[in-house]
């Protein structure tokens, strides 16, 4: 039987892996970014140039729709 803690750890691992994959996709497109730490209220990914706002949002939306973008 899977405990509540097991389920939470599984969800956190999936979240961690997805963020890592999205960061790799962004970097392949030349968008400088990195993972945030300490439960940053700004989100999970920090990117340095606001001109990429639209593209970053598109990539995340596409990932959410298809669960894979690679």
PDB file of N, CA and C in Angstrom:
ATOM      1  N   UNK A   1       0.848  -1.180   0.000  1.00  0.00           N
ATOM      2  CA  UNK A   1       0.000   0.000   0.000  1.00  0.00           C
ATOM      3  C   UNK A   1       0.897   1.248   0.000  1.00  0.00           C
ATOM      4  N   UNK A   2       0.542   2.181  -0.838  1.00  0.00           N
ATOM      5  CA  UNK A   2       1.310   3.421  -0.961  1.00  0.00           C
ATOM      6  C   UNK A   2       0.821   4.435   0.074  1.00  0.00           C
ATOM      7  N   UNK A   3       1.738   4.959   0.853  1.00  0.00           N
ATOM      8  CA  UNK A   3       1.381   5.934   1.877  1.00  0.00           C
ATOM      9  C   UNK A   3       1.235   7.324   1.261  1.00  0.00           C
ATOM     10  N   UNK A   4       0.662   8.243   2.026  1.00  0.00           N
ATOM     11  CA  UNK A   4       0.558   9.629   1.578  1.00  0.00           C
ATOM     12  C   UNK A   4       1.931  10.209   1.289  1.00  0.00           C
ATOM     13  N   UNK A   5       2.893   9.862   2.119  1.00  0.00           N
ATOM     14  CA  UNK A   5       4.252  10.364   1.939  1.00  0.00           C
ATOM     15  C   UNK A   5       4.868   9.829   0.648  1.00  0.00           C
ATOM     16  N   UNK A   6       4.609   8.551   0.352  1.00  0.00           N
ATOM     17  CA  UNK A   6       5.106   7.961  -0.886  1.00  0.00           C
ATOM     18  C   UNK A   6       4.543   8.702  -2.098  1.00  0.00           C
ATOM     19  N   UNK A   7       3.267   8.999  -2.056  1.00  0.00           N
ATOM     20  CA  UNK A   7       2.608   9.715  -3.158  1.00  0.00           C
ATOM     21  C   UNK A   7       3.193  11.116  -3.315  1.00  0.00           C
ATOM     22  N   UNK A   8       3.416  11.782  -2.216  1.00  0.00           N
ATOM     23  CA  UNK A   8       3.977  13.133  -2.260  1.00  0.00           C
ATOM     24  C   UNK A   8       5.396  13.109  -2.822  1.00  0.00           C
ATOM     25  N   UNK A   9       6.192  12.153  -2.372  1.00  0.00           N
ATOM     26  CA  UNK A   9       7.573  12.054  -2.879  1.00  0.00           C
ATOM     27  C   UNK A   9       7.570  11.760  -4.379  1.00  0.00           C
ATOM     28  N   UNK A  10       6.659  10.921  -4.819  1.00  0.00           N
ATOM     29  CA  UNK A  10       6.562  10.602  -6.243  1.00  0.00           C
ATOM     30  C   UNK A  10       6.217  11.853  -7.051  1.00  0.00           C
ATOM     31  N   UNK A  11       5.247  12.630  -6.564  1.00  0.00           N
ATOM     32  CA  UNK A  11       4.858  13.858  -7.258  1.00  0.00           C
ATOM     33  C   UNK A  11       6.002  14.861  -7.307  1.00  0.00           C
ATOM     34  N   UNK A  12       6.743  14.984  -6.212  1.00  0.00           N
ATOM     35  CA  UNK A  12       7.878  15.909  -6.172  1.00  0.00           C
ATOM     36  C   UNK A  12       8.987  15.485  -7.135  1.00  0.00           C
ATOM     37  N   UNK A  13       9.228  14.190  -7.232  1.00  0.00           N
ATOM     38  CA  UNK A  13      10.248  13.698  -8.161  1.00  0.00           C
ATOM     39  C   UNK A  13       9.844  13.974  -9.606  1.00  0.00           C
ATOM     40  N   UNK A  14       8.579  13.755  -9.925  1.00  0.00           N
ATOM     41  CA  UNK A  14       8.094  14.040 -11.279  1.00  0.00           C
ATOM     42  C   UNK A  14       8.232  15.532 -11.567  1.00  0.00           C
ATOM     43  N   UNK A  15       7.827  16.366 -10.612  1.00  0.00           N
ATOM     44  CA  UNK A  15       7.937  17.818 -10.777  1.00  0.00           C
ATOM     45  C   UNK A  15       9.390  18.217 -11.014  1.00  0.00           C
ATOM     46  N   UNK A  16      10.298  17.694 -10.212  1.00  0.00           N
ATOM     47  CA  UNK A  16      11.725  17.992 -10.355  1.00  0.00           C
ATOM     48  C   UNK A  16      12.220  17.617 -11.748  1.00  0.00           C
ATOM     49  N   UNK A  17      11.835  16.440 -12.213  1.00  0.00           N
ATOM     50  CA  UNK A  17      12.295  15.966 -13.519  1.00  0.00           C
ATOM     51  C   UNK A  17      11.719  16.799 -14.663  1.00  0.00           C
ATOM     52  N   UNK A  18      10.458  17.182 -14.555  1.00  0.00           N
ATOM     53  CA  UNK A  18       9.830  18.003 -15.595  1.00  0.00           C
ATOM     54  C   UNK A  18      10.513  19.366 -15.678  1.00  0.00           C
ATOM     55  N   UNK A  19      10.766  19.984 -14.543  1.00  0.00           N
ATOM     56  CA  UNK A  19      11.450  21.284 -14.533  1.00  0.00           C
ATOM     57  C   UNK A  19      12.815  21.147 -15.205  1.00  0.00           C
ATOM     58  N   UNK A  20      13.531  20.089 -14.894  1.00  0.00           N
ATOM     59  CA  UNK A  20      14.834  19.855 -15.522  1.00  0.00           C
ATOM     60  C   UNK A  20      14.731  19.714 -17.029  1.00  0.00           C
ATOM     61  N   UNK A  21      13.719  18.999 -17.509  1.00  0.00           N
ATOM     62  CA  UNK A  21      13.528  18.826 -18.951  1.00  0.00           C
ATOM     63  C   UNK A  21      13.175  20.151 -19.627  1.00  0.00           C
ATOM     64  N   UNK A  22      12.318  20.928 -18.996  1.00  0.00           N
ATOM     65  CA  UNK A  22      11.944  22.221 -19.575  1.00  0.00           C
ATOM     66  C   UNK A  22      13.156  23.144 -19.628  1.00  0.00           C
ATOM     67  N   UNK A  23      13.980  23.128 -18.595  1.00  0.00           N
ATOM     68  CA  UNK A  23      15.200  23.944 -18.597  1.00  0.00           C
ATOM     69  C   UNK A  23      16.109  23.538 -19.760  1.00  0.00           C
ATOM     70  N   UNK A  24      16.247  22.242 -20.008  1.00  0.00           N
ATOM     71  CA  UNK A  24      17.068  21.791 -21.131  1.00  0.00           C
ATOM     72  C   UNK A  24      16.506  22.282 -22.464  1.00  0.00           C
ATOM     73  N   UNK A  25      15.194  22.249 -22.613  1.00  0.00           N
ATOM     74  CA  UNK A  25      14.556  22.731 -23.843  1.00  0.00           C
ATOM     75  C   UNK A  25      14.823  24.222 -24.026  1.00  0.00           C
ATOM     76  N   UNK A  26      14.657  24.983 -22.957  1.00  0.00           N
ATOM     77  CA  UNK A  26      14.905  26.426 -23.029  1.00  0.00           C
ATOM     78  C   UNK A  26      16.355  26.705 -23.414  1.00  0.00           C
ATOM     79  N   UNK A  27      17.274  25.981 -22.811  1.00  0.00           N
ATOM     80  CA  UNK A  27      18.688  26.191 -23.103  1.00  0.00           C
ATOM     81  C   UNK A  27      19.025  25.826 -24.546  1.00  0.00           C
ATOM     82  N   UNK A  28      18.390  24.788 -25.077  1.00  0.00           N
ATOM     83  CA  UNK A  28      18.598  24.417 -26.479  1.00  0.00           C
ATOM     84  C   UNK A  28      18.162  25.543 -27.410  1.00  0.00           C
ATOM     85  N   UNK A  29      17.162  26.320 -26.975  1.00  0.00           N
ATOM     86  CA  UNK A  29      16.680  27.442 -27.770  1.00  0.00           C
ATOM     87  C   UNK A  29      17.481  28.718 -27.503  1.00  0.00           C
ATOM     88  N   UNK A  30      18.518  28.591 -26.686  1.00  0.00           N
ATOM     89  CA  UNK A  30      19.383  29.740 -26.418  1.00  0.00           C
ATOM     90  C   UNK A  30      18.875  30.665 -25.326  1.00  0.00           C
ATOM     91  N   UNK A  31      17.933  30.198 -24.540  1.00  0.00           N
ATOM     92  CA  UNK A  31      17.380  31.003 -23.442  1.00  0.00           C
ATOM     93  C   UNK A  31      18.159  30.656 -22.177  1.00  0.00           C
ATOM     94  N   UNK A  32      18.911  31.622 -21.668  1.00  0.00           N
ATOM     95  CA  UNK A  32      19.687  31.399 -20.443  1.00  0.00           C
ATOM     96  C   UNK A  32      18.719  31.298 -19.260  1.00  0.00           C
ATOM     97  N   UNK A  33      18.805  30.203 -18.537  1.00  0.00           N
ATOM     98  CA  UNK A  33      17.904  30.007 -17.404  1.00  0.00           C
ATOM     99  C   UNK A  33      18.527  29.040 -16.412  1.00  0.00           C
ATOM    100  N   UNK A  34      17.928  28.986 -15.248  1.00  0.00           N
ATOM    101  CA  UNK A  34      18.371  28.052 -14.219  1.00  0.00           C
ATOM    102  C   UNK A  34      17.225  27.761 -13.274  1.00  0.00           C
ATOM    103  N   UNK A  35      17.390  26.708 -12.527  1.00  0.00           N
ATOM    104  CA  UNK A  35      16.403  26.296 -11.536  1.00  0.00           C
ATOM    105  C   UNK A  35      16.475  27.242 -10.333  1.00  0.00           C
ATOM    106  N   UNK A  36      15.324  27.558  -9.752  1.00  0.00           N
ATOM    107  CA  UNK A  36      15.318  28.362  -8.532  1.00  0.00           C
ATOM    108  C   UNK A  36      15.419  27.422  -7.327  1.00  0.00           C
ATOM    109  N   UNK A  37      15.706  27.995  -6.176  1.00  0.00           N
ATOM    110  CA  UNK A  37      15.890  27.217  -4.956  1.00  0.00           C
ATOM    111  C   UNK A  37      15.108  27.830  -3.805  1.00  0.00           C
ATOM    112  N   UNK A  38      14.984  27.072  -2.739  1.00  0.00           N
ATOM    113  CA  UNK A  38      14.361  27.529  -1.491  1.00  0.00           C
ATOM    114  C   UNK A  38      12.922  27.992  -1.673  1.00  0.00           C
ATOM    115  N   UNK A  39      12.158  27.240  -2.468  1.00  0.00           N
ATOM    116  CA  UNK A  39      10.746  27.568  -2.691  1.00  0.00           C
ATOM    117  C   UNK A  39      10.551  29.020  -3.111  1.00  0.00           C
ATOM    118  N   UNK A  40      11.355  29.455  -4.048  1.00  0.00           N
ATOM    119  CA  UNK A  40      11.298  30.823  -4.566  1.00  0.00           C
ATOM    120  C   UNK A  40       9.876  31.159  -5.007  1.00  0.00           C
ATOM    121  N   UNK A  41       9.353  32.264  -4.513  1.00  0.00           N
ATOM    122  CA  UNK A  41       7.976  32.660  -4.842  1.00  0.00           C
ATOM    123  C   UNK A  41       7.837  33.098  -6.297  1.00  0.00           C
ATOM    124  N   UNK A  42       8.958  33.297  -6.991  1.00  0.00           N
ATOM    125  CA  UNK A  42       8.924  33.700  -8.399  1.00  0.00           C
ATOM    126  C   UNK A  42       8.627  32.538  -9.331  1.00  0.00           C
ATOM    127  N   UNK A  43       8.768  31.318  -8.842  1.00  0.00           N
ATOM    128  CA  UNK A  43       8.526  30.147  -9.672  1.00  0.00           C
ATOM    129  C   UNK A  43       9.695  29.189  -9.632  1.00  0.00           C
ATOM    130  N   UNK A  44       9.672  28.226 -10.551  1.00  0.00           N
ATOM    131  CA  UNK A  44      10.666  27.152 -10.542  1.00  0.00           C
ATOM    132  C   UNK A  44      11.831  27.387 -11.484  1.00  0.00           C
ATOM    133  N   UNK A  45      11.632  28.286 -12.464  1.00  0.00           N
ATOM    134  CA  UNK A  45      12.671  28.538 -13.461  1.00  0.00           C
ATOM    135  C   UNK A  45      12.937  30.034 -13.527  1.00  0.00           C
ATOM    136  N   UNK A  46      14.204  30.385 -13.437  1.00  0.00           N
ATOM    137  CA  UNK A  46      14.609  31.780 -13.561  1.00  0.00           C
ATOM    138  C   UNK A  46      15.261  31.963 -14.922  1.00  0.00           C
ATOM    139  N   UNK A  47      14.721  32.885 -15.709  1.00  0.00           N
ATOM    140  CA  UNK A  47      15.383  33.233 -16.968  1.00  0.00           C
ATOM    141  C   UNK A  47      15.636  34.724 -16.951  1.00  0.00           C
ATOM    142  N   UNK A  48      16.671  35.147 -17.673  1.00  0.00           N
ATOM    143  CA  UNK A  48      17.260  36.459 -17.447  1.00  0.00           C
ATOM    144  C   UNK A  48      16.812  37.558 -18.388  1.00  0.00           C
ATOM    145  N   UNK A  49      16.042  37.231 -19.401  1.00  0.00           N
ATOM    146  CA  UNK A  49      15.674  38.255 -20.376  1.00  0.00           C
ATOM    147  C   UNK A  49      14.171  38.211 -20.617  1.00  0.00           C
ATOM    148  N   UNK A  50      13.496  39.296 -20.287  1.00  0.00           N
ATOM    149  CA  UNK A  50      12.040  39.362 -20.412  1.00  0.00           C
ATOM    150  C   UNK A  50      11.569  39.205 -21.851  1.00  0.00           C
ATOM    151  N   UNK A  51      12.456  39.391 -22.809  1.00  0.00           N
ATOM    152  CA  UNK A  51      12.040  39.235 -24.202  1.00  0.00           C
ATOM    153  C   UNK A  51      11.645  37.795 -24.514  1.00  0.00           C
ATOM    154  N   UNK A  52      12.003  36.866 -23.636  1.00  0.00           N
ATOM    155  CA  UNK A  52      11.651  35.462 -23.833  1.00  0.00           C
ATOM    156  C   UNK A  52      10.360  35.052 -23.120  1.00  0.00           C
ATOM    157  N   UNK A  53       9.691  35.989 -22.473  1.00  0.00           N
ATOM    158  CA  UNK A  53       8.471  35.661 -21.727  1.00  0.00           C
ATOM    159  C   UNK A  53       7.495  34.831 -22.551  1.00  0.00           C
ATOM    160  N   UNK A  54       7.190  35.319 -23.727  1.00  0.00           N
ATOM    161  CA  UNK A  54       6.189  34.658 -24.566  1.00  0.00           C
ATOM    162  C   UNK A  54       6.630  33.239 -24.928  1.00  0.00           C
ATOM    163  N   UNK A  55       7.877  33.075 -25.336  1.00  0.00           N
ATOM    164  CA  UNK A  55       8.361  31.750 -25.746  1.00  0.00           C
ATOM    165  C   UNK A  55       8.421  30.781 -24.568  1.00  0.00           C
ATOM    166  N   UNK A  56       8.849  31.252 -23.417  1.00  0.00           N
ATOM    167  CA  UNK A  56       8.892  30.382 -22.232  1.00  0.00           C
ATOM    168  C   UNK A  56       7.480  29.899 -21.906  1.00  0.00           C
ATOM    169  N   UNK A  57       6.511  30.795 -21.933  1.00  0.00           N
ATOM    170  CA  UNK A  57       5.126  30.412 -21.643  1.00  0.00           C
ATOM    171  C   UNK A  57       4.594  29.423 -22.675  1.00  0.00           C
ATOM    172  N   UNK A  58       4.961  29.627 -23.946  1.00  0.00           N
ATOM    173  CA  UNK A  58       4.540  28.691 -24.999  1.00  0.00           C
ATOM    174  C   UNK A  58       5.100  27.298 -24.746  1.00  0.00           C
ATOM    175  N   UNK A  59       6.363  27.222 -24.385  1.00  0.00           N
ATOM    176  CA  UNK A  59       7.003  25.928 -24.134  1.00  0.00           C
ATOM    177  C   UNK A  59       6.337  25.226 -22.960  1.00  0.00           C
ATOM    178  N   UNK A  60       6.080  25.950 -21.891  1.00  0.00           N
ATOM    179  CA  UNK A  60       5.444  25.345 -20.716  1.00  0.00           C
ATOM    180  C   UNK A  60       4.025  24.894 -21.058  1.00  0.00           C
ATOM    181  N   UNK A  61       3.270  25.717 -21.787  1.00  0.00           N
ATOM    182  CA  UNK A  61       1.906  25.331 -22.192  1.00  0.00           C
ATOM    183  C   UNK A  61       1.931  24.085 -23.064  1.00  0.00           C
ATOM    184  N   UNK A  62       2.861  24.046 -24.011  1.00  0.00           N
ATOM    185  CA  UNK A  62       2.969  22.882 -24.889  1.00  0.00           C
ATOM    186  C   UNK A  62       3.299  21.630 -24.084  1.00  0.00           C
ATOM    187  N   UNK A  63       4.197  21.767 -23.138  1.00  0.00           N
ATOM    188  CA  UNK A  63       4.541  20.624 -22.274  1.00  0.00           C
ATOM    189  C   UNK A  63       3.299  20.161 -21.520  1.00  0.00           C
ATOM    190  N   UNK A  64       2.553  21.097 -20.963  1.00  0.00           N
ATOM    191  CA  UNK A  64       1.366  20.742 -20.197  1.00  0.00           C
ATOM    192  C   UNK A  64       0.315  20.052 -21.058  1.00  0.00           C
ATOM    193  N   UNK A  65       0.229  20.434 -22.324  1.00  0.00           N
ATOM    194  CA  UNK A  65      -0.748  19.806 -23.229  1.00  0.00           C
ATOM    195  C   UNK A  65      -0.332  18.400 -23.623  1.00  0.00           C
ATOM    196  N   UNK A  66       0.922  18.242 -23.970  1.00  0.00           N
ATOM    197  CA  UNK A  66       1.364  16.984 -24.565  1.00  0.00           C
ATOM    198  C   UNK A  66       2.145  16.089 -23.616  1.00  0.00           C
ATOM    199  N   UNK A  67       2.640  16.673 -22.550  1.00  0.00           N
ATOM    200  CA  UNK A  67       3.497  15.983 -21.576  1.00  0.00           C
ATOM    201  C   UNK A  67       4.825  15.572 -22.178  1.00  0.00           C
ATOM    202  N   UNK A  68       5.078  15.981 -23.416  1.00  0.00           N
ATOM    203  CA  UNK A  68       6.418  15.795 -23.967  1.00  0.00           C
ATOM    204  C   UNK A  68       6.583  16.756 -25.140  1.00  0.00           C
ATOM    205  N   UNK A  69       7.761  17.325 -25.215  1.00  0.00           N
ATOM    206  CA  UNK A  69       8.022  18.307 -26.248  1.00  0.00           C
ATOM    207  C   UNK A  69       9.273  17.936 -27.030  1.00  0.00           C
ATOM    208  N   UNK A  70      10.048  16.999 -26.534  1.00  0.00           N
ATOM    209  CA  UNK A  70      11.327  16.642 -27.164  1.00  0.00           C
ATOM    210  C   UNK A  70      11.110  15.720 -28.341  1.00  0.00           C
TER     211      UNK A  70
END
